[in-house]
């Protein structure tokens, strides 16, 4: 959390929708990550790398 400003405002897609300050954001991240049993991965593409985009 050292990379975040103490005044961070984080918005989420599910309620509650807004978290303020590093303590609230940290609790939210811990709750989110604790909800997974398996490793979490992320795969991202640049639009130029996708054949199915118009």
PDB file of N, CA and C in Angstrom:
ATOM      1  N   UNK A   1       0.814  -1.187   0.000  1.00  0.00           N
ATOM      2  CA  UNK A   1       0.000   0.000   0.000  1.00  0.00           C
ATOM      3  C   UNK A   1       0.859   1.253   0.000  1.00  0.00           C
ATOM      4  N   UNK A   2       2.158   1.097   0.096  1.00  0.00           N
ATOM      5  CA  UNK A   2       3.036   2.269   0.143  1.00  0.00           C
ATOM      6  C   UNK A   2       3.028   3.051  -1.167  1.00  0.00           C
ATOM      7  N   UNK A   3       2.539   2.442  -2.232  1.00  0.00           N
ATOM      8  CA  UNK A   3       2.480   3.121  -3.534  1.00  0.00           C
ATOM      9  C   UNK A   3       1.249   4.015  -3.664  1.00  0.00           C
ATOM     10  N   UNK A   4       0.317   3.883  -2.747  1.00  0.00           N
ATOM     11  CA  UNK A   4      -0.923   4.640  -2.819  1.00  0.00           C
ATOM     12  C   UNK A   4      -0.852   5.899  -1.968  1.00  0.00           C
ATOM     13  N   UNK A   5      -1.491   6.944  -2.445  1.00  0.00           N
ATOM     14  CA  UNK A   5      -1.597   8.180  -1.687  1.00  0.00           C
ATOM     15  C   UNK A   5      -2.507   7.949  -0.477  1.00  0.00           C
ATOM     16  N   UNK A   6      -2.195   8.550   0.674  1.00  0.00           N
ATOM     17  CA  UNK A   6      -3.074   8.401   1.840  1.00  0.00           C
ATOM     18  C   UNK A   6      -4.500   8.869   1.555  1.00  0.00           C
ATOM     19  N   UNK A   7      -4.687   9.754   0.590  1.00  0.00           N
ATOM     20  CA  UNK A   7      -6.012  10.263   0.260  1.00  0.00           C
ATOM     21  C   UNK A   7      -6.677   9.539  -0.894  1.00  0.00           C
ATOM     22  N   UNK A   8      -6.238   8.320  -1.195  1.00  0.00           N
ATOM     23  CA  UNK A   8      -6.777   7.567  -2.328  1.00  0.00           C
ATOM     24  C   UNK A   8      -8.293   7.412  -2.218  1.00  0.00           C
ATOM     25  N   UNK A   9      -8.960   7.485  -3.349  1.00  0.00           N
ATOM     26  CA  UNK A   9     -10.381   7.166  -3.454  1.00  0.00           C
ATOM     27  C   UNK A   9     -10.466   6.073  -4.505  1.00  0.00           C
ATOM     28  N   UNK A  10     -10.937   4.898  -4.093  1.00  0.00           N
ATOM     29  CA  UNK A  10     -11.015   3.723  -4.965  1.00  0.00           C
ATOM     30  C   UNK A  10     -12.481   3.443  -5.259  1.00  0.00           C
ATOM     31  N   UNK A  11     -12.800   3.234  -6.520  1.00  0.00           N
ATOM     32  CA  UNK A  11     -14.175   2.925  -6.915  1.00  0.00           C
ATOM     33  C   UNK A  11     -14.257   1.471  -7.353  1.00  0.00           C
ATOM     34  N   UNK A  12     -15.362   0.817  -7.014  1.00  0.00           N
ATOM     35  CA  UNK A  12     -15.563  -0.588  -7.337  1.00  0.00           C
ATOM     36  C   UNK A  12     -16.844  -0.745  -8.139  1.00  0.00           C
ATOM     37  N   UNK A  13     -17.037  -1.916  -8.704  1.00  0.00           N
ATOM     38  CA  UNK A  13     -18.223  -2.189  -9.521  1.00  0.00           C
ATOM     39  C   UNK A  13     -19.388  -2.710  -8.698  1.00  0.00           C
ATOM     40  N   UNK A  14     -19.124  -3.154  -7.472  1.00  0.00           N
ATOM     41  CA  UNK A  14     -20.178  -3.681  -6.605  1.00  0.00           C
ATOM     42  C   UNK A  14     -20.174  -2.900  -5.291  1.00  0.00           C
ATOM     43  N   UNK A  15     -21.338  -2.777  -4.647  1.00  0.00           N
ATOM     44  CA  UNK A  15     -21.405  -2.013  -3.403  1.00  0.00           C
ATOM     45  C   UNK A  15     -20.531  -2.621  -2.311  1.00  0.00           C
ATOM     46  N   UNK A  16     -19.999  -1.773  -1.458  1.00  0.00           N
ATOM     47  CA  UNK A  16     -20.003  -0.323  -1.550  1.00  0.00           C
ATOM     48  C   UNK A  16     -19.138   0.137  -2.724  1.00  0.00           C
ATOM     49  N   UNK A  17     -19.542   1.191  -3.354  1.00  0.00           N
ATOM     50  CA  UNK A  17     -18.906   1.605  -4.602  1.00  0.00           C
ATOM     51  C   UNK A  17     -17.671   2.467  -4.412  1.00  0.00           C
ATOM     52  N   UNK A  18     -17.491   3.053  -3.233  1.00  0.00           N
ATOM     53  CA  UNK A  18     -16.362   3.963  -3.035  1.00  0.00           C
ATOM     54  C   UNK A  18     -15.679   3.677  -1.695  1.00  0.00           C
ATOM     55  N   UNK A  19     -14.360   3.668  -1.734  1.00  0.00           N
ATOM     56  CA  UNK A  19     -13.545   3.478  -0.543  1.00  0.00           C
ATOM     57  C   UNK A  19     -12.558   4.634  -0.471  1.00  0.00           C
ATOM     58  N   UNK A  20     -12.386   5.196   0.708  1.00  0.00           N
ATOM     59  CA  UNK A  20     -11.497   6.351   0.874  1.00  0.00           C
ATOM     60  C   UNK A  20     -10.394   6.021   1.870  1.00  0.00           C
ATOM     61  N   UNK A  21      -9.185   6.378   1.503  1.00  0.00           N
ATOM     62  CA  UNK A  21      -8.032   6.180   2.374  1.00  0.00           C
ATOM     63  C   UNK A  21      -7.436   4.792   2.250  1.00  0.00           C
ATOM     64  N   UNK A  22      -6.163   4.702   2.580  1.00  0.00           N
ATOM     65  CA  UNK A  22      -5.454   3.428   2.400  1.00  0.00           C
ATOM     66  C   UNK A  22      -5.983   2.322   3.309  1.00  0.00           C
ATOM     67  N   UNK A  23      -6.486   2.653   4.493  1.00  0.00           N
ATOM     68  CA  UNK A  23      -7.021   1.610   5.377  1.00  0.00           C
ATOM     69  C   UNK A  23      -8.249   0.944   4.768  1.00  0.00           C
ATOM     70  N   UNK A  24      -9.181   1.740   4.263  1.00  0.00           N
ATOM     71  CA  UNK A  24     -10.385   1.173   3.636  1.00  0.00           C
ATOM     72  C   UNK A  24     -10.033   0.389   2.374  1.00  0.00           C
ATOM     73  N   UNK A  25      -9.137   0.942   1.562  1.00  0.00           N
ATOM     74  CA  UNK A  25      -8.762   0.268   0.322  1.00  0.00           C
ATOM     75  C   UNK A  25      -8.050  -1.046   0.638  1.00  0.00           C
ATOM     76  N   UNK A  26      -7.179  -1.043   1.623  1.00  0.00           N
ATOM     77  CA  UNK A  26      -6.481  -2.274   2.014  1.00  0.00           C
ATOM     78  C   UNK A  26      -7.475  -3.343   2.463  1.00  0.00           C
ATOM     79  N   UNK A  27      -8.434  -2.974   3.304  1.00  0.00           N
ATOM     80  CA  UNK A  27      -9.453  -3.941   3.749  1.00  0.00           C
ATOM     81  C   UNK A  27     -10.218  -4.511   2.567  1.00  0.00           C
ATOM     82  N   UNK A  28     -10.526  -3.661   1.588  1.00  0.00           N
ATOM     83  CA  UNK A  28     -11.251  -4.107   0.405  1.00  0.00           C
ATOM     84  C   UNK A  28     -10.412  -5.085  -0.408  1.00  0.00           C
ATOM     85  N   UNK A  29      -9.135  -4.769  -0.602  1.00  0.00           N
ATOM     86  CA  UNK A  29      -8.258  -5.655  -1.364  1.00  0.00           C
ATOM     87  C   UNK A  29      -8.091  -7.002  -0.655  1.00  0.00           C
ATOM     88  N   UNK A  30      -7.898  -6.970   0.659  1.00  0.00           N
ATOM     89  CA  UNK A  30      -7.741  -8.221   1.419  1.00  0.00           C
ATOM     90  C   UNK A  30      -9.006  -9.059   1.307  1.00  0.00           C
ATOM     91  N   UNK A  31     -10.173  -8.435   1.451  1.00  0.00           N
ATOM     92  CA  UNK A  31     -11.443  -9.167   1.329  1.00  0.00           C
ATOM     93  C   UNK A  31     -11.572  -9.778  -0.055  1.00  0.00           C
ATOM     94  N   UNK A  32     -11.200  -9.026  -1.082  1.00  0.00           N
ATOM     95  CA  UNK A  32     -11.318  -9.502  -2.462  1.00  0.00           C
ATOM     96  C   UNK A  32     -10.377 -10.671  -2.703  1.00  0.00           C
ATOM     97  N   UNK A  33      -9.106 -10.525  -2.336  1.00  0.00           N
ATOM     98  CA  UNK A  33      -8.135 -11.601  -2.568  1.00  0.00           C
ATOM     99  C   UNK A  33      -8.439 -12.828  -1.724  1.00  0.00           C
ATOM    100  N   UNK A  34      -8.948 -12.657  -0.519  1.00  0.00           N
ATOM    101  CA  UNK A  34      -9.295 -13.796   0.333  1.00  0.00           C
ATOM    102  C   UNK A  34     -10.464 -14.602  -0.218  1.00  0.00           C
ATOM    103  N   UNK A  35     -11.195 -14.051  -1.156  1.00  0.00           N
ATOM    104  CA  UNK A  35     -12.327 -14.753  -1.745  1.00  0.00           C
ATOM    105  C   UNK A  35     -11.936 -15.796  -2.781  1.00  0.00           C
ATOM    106  N   UNK A  36     -10.657 -15.919  -3.084  1.00  0.00           N
ATOM    107  CA  UNK A  36     -10.180 -16.863  -4.098  1.00  0.00           C
ATOM    108  C   UNK A  36      -9.331 -17.948  -3.456  1.00  0.00           C
ATOM    109  N   UNK A  37      -9.597 -19.200  -3.840  1.00  0.00           N
ATOM    110  CA  UNK A  37      -8.796 -20.320  -3.352  1.00  0.00           C
ATOM    111  C   UNK A  37      -7.601 -20.586  -4.261  1.00  0.00           C
ATOM    112  N   UNK A  38      -7.787 -20.360  -5.553  1.00  0.00           N
ATOM    113  CA  UNK A  38      -6.742 -20.635  -6.533  1.00  0.00           C
ATOM    114  C   UNK A  38      -5.972 -19.355  -6.857  1.00  0.00           C
ATOM    115  N   UNK A  39      -4.814 -19.506  -7.493  1.00  0.00           N
ATOM    116  CA  UNK A  39      -4.063 -18.308  -7.894  1.00  0.00           C
ATOM    117  C   UNK A  39      -4.879 -17.430  -8.844  1.00  0.00           C
ATOM    118  N   UNK A  40      -4.660 -16.136  -8.753  1.00  0.00           N
ATOM    119  CA  UNK A  40      -5.327 -15.170  -9.617  1.00  0.00           C
ATOM    120  C   UNK A  40      -4.358 -14.800 -10.729  1.00  0.00           C
ATOM    121  N   UNK A  41      -4.862 -14.778 -11.956  1.00  0.00           N
ATOM    122  CA  UNK A  41      -4.003 -14.391 -13.070  1.00  0.00           C
ATOM    123  C   UNK A  41      -4.709 -13.321 -13.900  1.00  0.00           C
ATOM    124  N   UNK A  42      -3.935 -12.654 -14.699  1.00  0.00           N
ATOM    125  CA  UNK A  42      -4.456 -11.595 -15.545  1.00  0.00           C
ATOM    126  C   UNK A  42      -3.830 -11.742 -16.912  1.00  0.00           C
ATOM    127  N   UNK A  43      -4.657 -11.668 -17.924  1.00  0.00           N
ATOM    128  CA  UNK A  43      -4.166 -11.711 -19.296  1.00  0.00           C
ATOM    129  C   UNK A  43      -4.760 -10.518 -20.021  1.00  0.00           C
ATOM    130  N   UNK A  44      -3.909  -9.700 -20.588  1.00  0.00           N
ATOM    131  CA  UNK A  44      -4.367  -8.498 -21.277  1.00  0.00           C
ATOM    132  C   UNK A  44      -3.775  -8.451 -22.673  1.00  0.00           C
ATOM    133  N   UNK A  45      -4.517  -7.864 -23.591  1.00  0.00           N
ATOM    134  CA  UNK A  45      -4.054  -7.714 -24.961  1.00  0.00           C
ATOM    135  C   UNK A  45      -4.157  -6.255 -25.362  1.00  0.00           C
ATOM    136  N   UNK A  46      -3.266  -5.863 -26.207  1.00  0.00           N
ATOM    137  CA  UNK A  46      -3.415  -4.565 -26.856  1.00  0.00           C
ATOM    138  C   UNK A  46      -4.408  -4.742 -27.989  1.00  0.00           C
ATOM    139  N   UNK A  47      -5.201  -3.730 -28.292  1.00  0.00           N
ATOM    140  CA  UNK A  47      -6.193  -3.886 -29.361  1.00  0.00           C
ATOM    141  C   UNK A  47      -5.580  -4.378 -30.674  1.00  0.00           C
ATOM    142  N   UNK A  48      -4.359  -4.006 -30.972  1.00  0.00           N
ATOM    143  CA  UNK A  48      -3.728  -4.439 -32.221  1.00  0.00           C
ATOM    144  C   UNK A  48      -3.382  -5.925 -32.206  1.00  0.00           C
ATOM    145  N   UNK A  49      -3.399  -6.560 -31.038  1.00  0.00           N
ATOM    146  CA  UNK A  49      -3.081  -7.978 -30.918  1.00  0.00           C
ATOM    147  C   UNK A  49      -4.302  -8.871 -31.005  1.00  0.00           C
ATOM    148  N   UNK A  50      -5.475  -8.290 -31.078  1.00  0.00           N
ATOM    149  CA  UNK A  50      -6.719  -9.063 -31.109  1.00  0.00           C
ATOM    150  C   UNK A  50      -7.260  -9.103 -32.525  1.00  0.00           C
ATOM    151  N   UNK A  51      -7.530 -10.291 -33.028  1.00  0.00           N
ATOM    152  CA  UNK A  51      -8.083 -10.449 -34.372  1.00  0.00           C
ATOM    153  C   UNK A  51      -9.579 -10.198 -34.422  1.00  0.00           C
ATOM    154  N   UNK A  52     -10.272 -10.343 -33.286  1.00  0.00           N
ATOM    155  CA  UNK A  52     -11.723 -10.272 -33.303  1.00  0.00           C
ATOM    156  C   UNK A  52     -12.280  -8.881 -33.028  1.00  0.00           C
ATOM    157  N   UNK A  53     -11.440  -7.862 -32.981  1.00  0.00           N
ATOM    158  CA  UNK A  53     -11.915  -6.511 -32.767  1.00  0.00           C
ATOM    159  C   UNK A  53     -12.142  -5.814 -34.092  1.00  0.00           C
ATOM    160  N   UNK A  54     -13.222  -5.069 -34.169  1.00  0.00           N
ATOM    161  CA  UNK A  54     -13.536  -4.369 -35.405  1.00  0.00           C
ATOM    162  C   UNK A  54     -12.655  -3.157 -35.593  1.00  0.00           C
TER     163      UNK A  54
END
